[in-house]
C-alpha atoms as a PDB file:
ATOM      1  CA  UNK A   1     -74.300  29.841 -88.124  1.00  0.00           C
ATOM      2  CA  UNK A   2     -70.830  30.519 -89.521  1.00  0.00           C
ATOM      3  CA  UNK A   3     -72.118  31.597 -92.937  1.00  0.00           C
ATOM      4  CA  UNK A   4     -74.702  33.851 -91.304  1.00  0.00           C
ATOM      5  CA  UNK A   5     -71.959  35.549 -89.238  1.00  0.00           C
ATOM      6  CA  UNK A   6     -69.809  36.047 -92.348  1.00  0.00           C
ATOM      7  CA  UNK A   7     -72.751  37.542 -94.262  1.00  0.00           C
ATOM      8  CA  UNK A   8     -73.466  39.962 -91.416  1.00  0.00           C
ATOM      9  CA  UNK A   9     -69.802  40.988 -91.252  1.00  0.00           C
ATOM     10  CA  UNK A  10     -69.655  41.607 -95.021  1.00  0.00           C
ATOM     11  CA  UNK A  11     -72.734  43.822 -94.815  1.00  0.00           C
ATOM     12  CA  UNK A  12     -71.421  45.718 -91.790  1.00  0.00           C
ATOM     13  CA  UNK A  13     -67.772  46.200 -92.815  1.00  0.00           C
ATOM     14  CA  UNK A  14     -68.124  46.185 -96.626  1.00  0.00           C
ATOM     15  CA  UNK A  15     -65.388  43.800 -97.810  1.00  0.00           C
ATOM     16  CA  UNK A  16     -64.929  41.124-100.458  1.00  0.00           C
ATOM     17  CA  UNK A  17     -64.407  37.571 -99.261  1.00  0.00           C
ATOM     18  CA  UNK A  18     -62.348  35.502-101.691  1.00  0.00           C
ATOM     19  CA  UNK A  19     -61.592  32.369 -99.687  1.00  0.00           C
ATOM     20  CA  UNK A  20     -62.125  30.724 -96.306  1.00  0.00           C
ATOM     21  CA  UNK A  21     -60.287  27.765 -94.814  1.00  0.00           C
ATOM     22  CA  UNK A  22     -61.948  26.350 -91.699  1.00  0.00           C
ATOM     23  CA  UNK A  23     -59.471  24.648 -89.380  1.00  0.00           C
ATOM     24  CA  UNK A  24     -60.224  22.716 -86.195  1.00  0.00           C
ATOM     25  CA  UNK A  25     -59.654  25.678 -83.877  1.00  0.00           C
ATOM     26  CA  UNK A  26     -59.441  28.753 -86.140  1.00  0.00           C
ATOM     27  CA  UNK A  27     -60.075  30.047 -89.652  1.00  0.00           C
ATOM     28  CA  UNK A  28     -57.999  31.586 -92.421  1.00  0.00           C
ATOM     29  CA  UNK A  29     -59.562  34.021 -94.834  1.00  0.00           C
ATOM     30  CA  UNK A  30     -58.618  36.055 -97.859  1.00  0.00           C
ATOM     31  CA  UNK A  31     -60.448  39.369 -97.822  1.00  0.00           C
ATOM     32  CA  UNK A  32     -60.207  42.791 -99.445  1.00  0.00           C
ATOM     33  CA  UNK A  33     -61.799  45.923 -98.018  1.00  0.00           C
ATOM     34  CA  UNK A  34     -63.981  47.791-100.511  1.00  0.00           C
ATOM     35  CA  UNK A  35     -62.801  51.112 -99.075  1.00  0.00           C
ATOM     36  CA  UNK A  36     -59.024  51.144 -98.773  1.00  0.00           C
ATOM     37  CA  UNK A  37     -59.139  53.246 -95.576  1.00  0.00           C
ATOM     38  CA  UNK A  38     -61.260  50.582 -93.848  1.00  0.00           C
ATOM     39  CA  UNK A  39     -58.454  48.039 -93.281  1.00  0.00           C
ATOM     40  CA  UNK A  40     -58.364  48.314 -89.489  1.00  0.00           C
ATOM     41  CA  UNK A  41     -62.094  47.578 -89.180  1.00  0.00           C
ATOM     42  CA  UNK A  42     -61.911  44.574 -91.476  1.00  0.00           C
ATOM     43  CA  UNK A  43     -58.831  43.053 -89.841  1.00  0.00           C
ATOM     44  CA  UNK A  44     -60.547  43.164 -86.438  1.00  0.00           C
ATOM     45  CA  UNK A  45     -63.021  40.575 -87.762  1.00  0.00           C
ATOM     46  CA  UNK A  46     -60.807  37.735 -86.574  1.00  0.00           C
ATOM     47  CA  UNK A  47     -62.651  37.896 -83.249  1.00  0.00           C
ATOM     48  CA  UNK A  48     -66.056  37.663 -84.911  1.00  0.00           C
ATOM     49  CA  UNK A  49     -66.506  33.899 -84.722  1.00  0.00           C
ATOM     50  CA  UNK A  50     -64.545  33.046 -81.574  1.00  0.00           C
END
């Protein structure tokens, strides 16, 4: 389920995912938007898997 959600987000928001750290109640990720003007859309992804 988590990997499916990440794949959908990558396709929708067009970013590179370099790393993910899954914690007990949250995640950390290292991402880079493909389009530099798309930062606000990509950073709103933190609510994607709540």
